[in-house]
């Protein structure tokens, strides 16, 4: 929280997420999950510089990282995305089959 301006400067000055992550790790000694959490952090929390809320969110995020919950949450979110795409694919396939069967009957 004390280095928020420098973190934002590093992120803004980076070409992509990978570069930002590498710079944050080098500058502050963050590991990969910590860098990911920082890059995923919603900057709306900076409105009014609500330091207490930022500190509480940081503590909660670091606790989730320490217990593995953050990584698990990321995997669960990706699995939900895959499930949605898979279900859409199955629906499209079923509709195509239904259309093909209707044409065969004609």
Protein backbone atom coordinates (compact mmCIF):
# COMPACT_ATOMS: atom_id res chain seq x y z
CA UNK A 1 0.00 0.00 0.00
CA UNK A 2 2.89 2.35 0.75
CA UNK A 3 4.27 1.77 -2.76
CA UNK A 4 1.00 2.08 -4.67
CA UNK A 5 2.20 5.00 -6.80
CA UNK A 6 5.31 3.09 -7.83
CA UNK A 7 3.28 -0.07 -8.56
CA UNK A 8 0.89 1.91 -10.77
CA UNK A 9 3.85 3.56 -12.55
CA UNK A 10 5.42 0.15 -13.23
CA UNK A 11 2.14 -1.25 -14.56
CA UNK A 12 1.45 1.79 -16.75
CA UNK A 13 5.00 1.73 -18.13
CA UNK A 14 4.90 -1.95 -19.06
CA UNK A 15 4.21 -3.21 -22.58
CA UNK A 16 2.12 -6.17 -21.42
CA UNK A 17 1.02 -8.14 -18.38
CA UNK A 18 4.09 -10.40 -18.46
CA UNK A 19 6.47 -7.46 -18.41
CA UNK A 20 4.54 -5.80 -15.58
CA UNK A 21 4.64 -9.00 -13.58
CA UNK A 22 8.38 -9.39 -14.09
CA UNK A 23 9.05 -5.78 -13.10
CA UNK A 24 6.91 -6.06 -9.96
CA UNK A 25 8.65 -9.30 -8.98
CA UNK A 26 12.08 -7.75 -9.48
CA UNK A 27 11.30 -4.46 -7.71
CA UNK A 28 9.32 -5.78 -4.73
CA UNK A 29 10.21 -9.48 -4.57
CA UNK A 30 6.64 -10.61 -5.27
CA UNK A 31 6.04 -14.17 -6.41
CA UNK A 32 3.85 -15.05 -9.41
CA UNK A 33 0.51 -15.35 -7.51
CA UNK A 34 1.18 -12.02 -5.78
CA UNK A 35 1.92 -10.31 -9.10
CA UNK A 36 -1.24 -11.82 -10.60
CA UNK A 37 -3.31 -10.58 -7.65
CA UNK A 38 -1.86 -7.08 -8.01
CA UNK A 39 -2.52 -7.00 -11.76
CA UNK A 40 -6.08 -8.28 -11.19
CA UNK A 41 -6.72 -5.69 -8.47
CA UNK A 42 -9.53 -3.28 -9.28
CA UNK A 43 -8.20 0.26 -9.17
CA UNK A 44 -11.58 1.64 -8.11
CA UNK A 45 -10.34 1.00 -4.57
CA UNK A 46 -7.97 3.93 -5.06
CA UNK A 47 -10.85 6.41 -5.21
CA UNK A 48 -10.38 8.68 -2.24
CA UNK A 49 -7.31 6.60 -1.33
CA UNK A 50 -9.25 4.58 1.22
CA UNK A 51 -6.10 3.21 2.85
CA UNK A 52 -7.92 1.03 5.37
CA UNK A 53 -10.02 -0.68 2.69
CA UNK A 54 -6.91 -1.21 0.55
CA UNK A 55 -5.01 -2.70 3.47
CA UNK A 56 -7.91 -5.00 4.34
CA UNK A 57 -8.22 -6.14 0.72
CA UNK A 58 -4.48 -6.70 0.49
CA UNK A 59 -4.45 -8.76 3.70
CA UNK A 60 -7.38 -10.86 2.48
CA UNK A 61 -5.76 -11.43 -0.91
CA UNK A 62 -2.43 -12.38 0.64
CA UNK A 63 -4.22 -14.78 2.99
CA UNK A 64 -6.00 -16.38 0.00
CA UNK A 65 -2.64 -16.73 -1.77
CA UNK A 66 -1.01 -18.26 1.32
CA UNK A 67 -3.74 -20.89 1.67
CA UNK A 68 -3.93 -21.61 -2.05
CA UNK A 69 -7.47 -20.25 -2.24
CA UNK A 70 -6.52 -17.58 -4.78
CA UNK A 71 -5.13 -20.11 -7.23
CA UNK A 72 -8.13 -22.37 -6.64
CA UNK A 73 -10.51 -19.46 -7.26
CA UNK A 74 -8.73 -18.70 -10.53
CA UNK A 75 -9.02 -22.34 -11.64
CA UNK A 76 -12.71 -22.46 -10.71
CA UNK A 77 -13.36 -19.26 -12.70
CA UNK A 78 -11.57 -20.71 -15.75
CA UNK A 79 -13.51 -23.97 -15.40
CA UNK A 80 -16.78 -22.01 -15.40
CA UNK A 81 -15.69 -20.22 -18.58
CA UNK A 82 -14.84 -23.55 -20.23
CA UNK A 83 -18.16 -25.02 -19.10
CA UNK A 84 -20.09 -22.15 -20.71
CA UNK A 85 -18.21 -22.56 -24.01
CA UNK A 86 -18.63 -26.34 -23.90
CA UNK A 87 -22.37 -26.06 -23.26
CA UNK A 88 -22.73 -23.57 -26.11
CA UNK A 89 -20.85 -25.98 -28.40
CA UNK A 90 -23.07 -28.90 -27.42
CA UNK A 91 -26.18 -26.80 -28.01
CA UNK A 92 -24.93 -25.73 -31.44
CA UNK A 93 -24.09 -29.33 -32.33
CA UNK A 94 -27.53 -30.52 -31.21
CA UNK A 95 -29.19 -27.80 -33.28
CA UNK A 96 -27.15 -28.79 -36.35
CA UNK A 97 -28.05 -32.44 -35.90
CA UNK A 98 -31.68 -31.56 -35.47
CA UNK A 99 -31.56 -29.48 -38.64
CA UNK A 100 -29.80 -32.27 -40.56
CA UNK A 101 -32.35 -34.84 -39.40
CA UNK A 102 -35.17 -32.54 -40.50
CA UNK A 103 -33.64 -32.22 -43.97
CA UNK A 104 -33.24 -36.02 -44.27
CA UNK A 105 -36.94 -36.50 -43.53
CA UNK A 106 -37.97 -34.08 -46.25
